């Protein structure tokens, strides 16, 4: 169940990160989902390290928020590594 939960939460987080971070439209839906899965793991690990909680198991609002923050960070880092600038309107 843990792997399926990571995939679902990562997909949701990647989809939300696609709305929050503009200028990365070339990634597409699959790219956002993959970066969302990685971001979910990164966000869950960082939040767990900071608070001592377990944020990478189960599907609930807290894990989705943590995964979305991680996905946004991963997308920003990905764009920085690829040398892309943010264009358009967006929160971040």
Protein backbone atom coordinates (compact mmCIF):
# COMPACT_ATOMS: atom_id res chain seq x y z
CA UNK A 1 0.00 0.00 0.00
CA UNK A 2 2.90 2.37 0.65
CA UNK A 3 4.08 2.37 -2.97
CA UNK A 4 0.57 2.97 -4.31
CA UNK A 5 0.10 5.80 -1.81
CA UNK A 6 3.38 7.41 -2.96
CA UNK A 7 2.26 7.22 -6.57
CA UNK A 8 -1.16 8.71 -5.87
CA UNK A 9 0.12 11.48 -3.58
CA UNK A 10 2.99 12.20 -5.99
CA UNK A 11 0.61 12.44 -8.91
CA UNK A 12 -1.62 14.87 -7.03
CA UNK A 13 1.39 16.89 -5.85
CA UNK A 14 2.87 17.04 -9.35
CA UNK A 15 -0.42 18.15 -10.81
CA UNK A 16 -0.74 20.90 -8.18
CA UNK A 17 2.90 21.95 -8.67
CA UNK A 18 2.14 22.39 -12.36
CA UNK A 19 -0.43 25.02 -11.43
CA UNK A 20 1.78 26.74 -8.86
CA UNK A 21 5.02 26.97 -10.84
CA UNK A 22 4.72 28.64 -14.22
CA UNK A 23 7.24 28.49 -17.01
CA UNK A 24 7.65 24.72 -17.01
CA UNK A 25 4.92 23.84 -19.48
CA UNK A 26 7.33 21.73 -21.52
CA UNK A 27 7.27 19.03 -18.85
CA UNK A 28 3.71 17.95 -19.58
CA UNK A 29 1.44 15.97 -17.33
CA UNK A 30 3.67 12.89 -17.10
CA UNK A 31 6.72 15.03 -16.29
CA UNK A 32 4.84 16.80 -13.53
CA UNK A 33 3.64 13.50 -12.10
CA UNK A 34 7.17 12.06 -12.10
CA UNK A 35 8.62 15.18 -10.51
CA UNK A 36 5.69 15.13 -8.09
CA UNK A 37 6.57 11.61 -6.97
CA UNK A 38 10.19 12.65 -6.43
CA UNK A 39 9.02 15.85 -4.75
CA UNK A 40 6.68 13.90 -2.49
CA UNK A 41 9.55 11.77 -1.30
CA UNK A 42 11.83 14.79 -0.87
CA UNK A 43 9.15 16.79 0.92
CA UNK A 44 8.20 13.86 3.14
CA UNK A 45 11.82 13.20 4.05
CA UNK A 46 12.55 16.88 4.82
CA UNK A 47 9.37 17.38 6.83
CA UNK A 48 10.04 14.16 8.75
CA UNK A 49 13.60 15.24 9.47
CA UNK A 50 12.46 18.64 10.72
CA UNK A 51 9.48 17.53 12.81
CA UNK A 52 10.16 13.87 13.54
CA UNK A 53 6.86 12.83 11.95
CA UNK A 54 6.14 10.30 9.23
CA UNK A 55 4.89 12.10 6.14
CA UNK A 56 5.43 9.50 3.42
CA UNK A 57 2.80 6.94 4.35
CA UNK A 58 -0.91 7.14 3.74
CA UNK A 59 -3.03 9.51 1.74
CA UNK A 60 -4.33 12.50 3.66
CA UNK A 61 -4.30 16.28 3.43
CA UNK A 62 -1.05 16.67 5.36
CA UNK A 63 0.90 14.33 3.08
CA UNK A 64 -0.54 16.02 -0.01
CA UNK A 65 0.51 19.47 1.28
CA UNK A 66 4.01 18.26 2.20
CA UNK A 67 4.36 16.46 -1.14
CA UNK A 68 3.18 19.53 -3.05
CA UNK A 69 5.74 21.72 -1.32
CA UNK A 70 8.41 19.15 -2.13
CA UNK A 71 7.21 18.94 -5.75
CA UNK A 72 7.32 22.72 -6.13
CA UNK A 73 10.89 22.72 -4.81
CA UNK A 74 11.88 19.89 -7.16
CA UNK A 75 10.32 21.66 -10.17
CA UNK A 76 12.11 24.92 -9.30
CA UNK A 77 15.43 23.10 -8.94
CA UNK A 78 14.76 21.18 -12.17
CA UNK A 79 14.09 24.43 -14.03
CA UNK A 80 17.21 26.00 -12.54
CA UNK A 81 19.34 23.06 -13.63
CA UNK A 82 17.83 23.16 -17.12
CA UNK A 83 18.49 26.90 -17.32
CA UNK A 84 14.88 27.89 -17.81
CA UNK A 85 13.47 31.08 -16.47
CA UNK A 86 10.00 31.36 -15.10
CA UNK A 87 7.64 33.19 -17.41
CA UNK A 88 3.99 33.99 -17.24
CA UNK A 89 1.87 34.40 -14.17
CA UNK A 90 2.22 32.19 -11.19
CA UNK A 91 2.56 32.19 -7.47
CA UNK A 92 6.19 31.10 -7.46
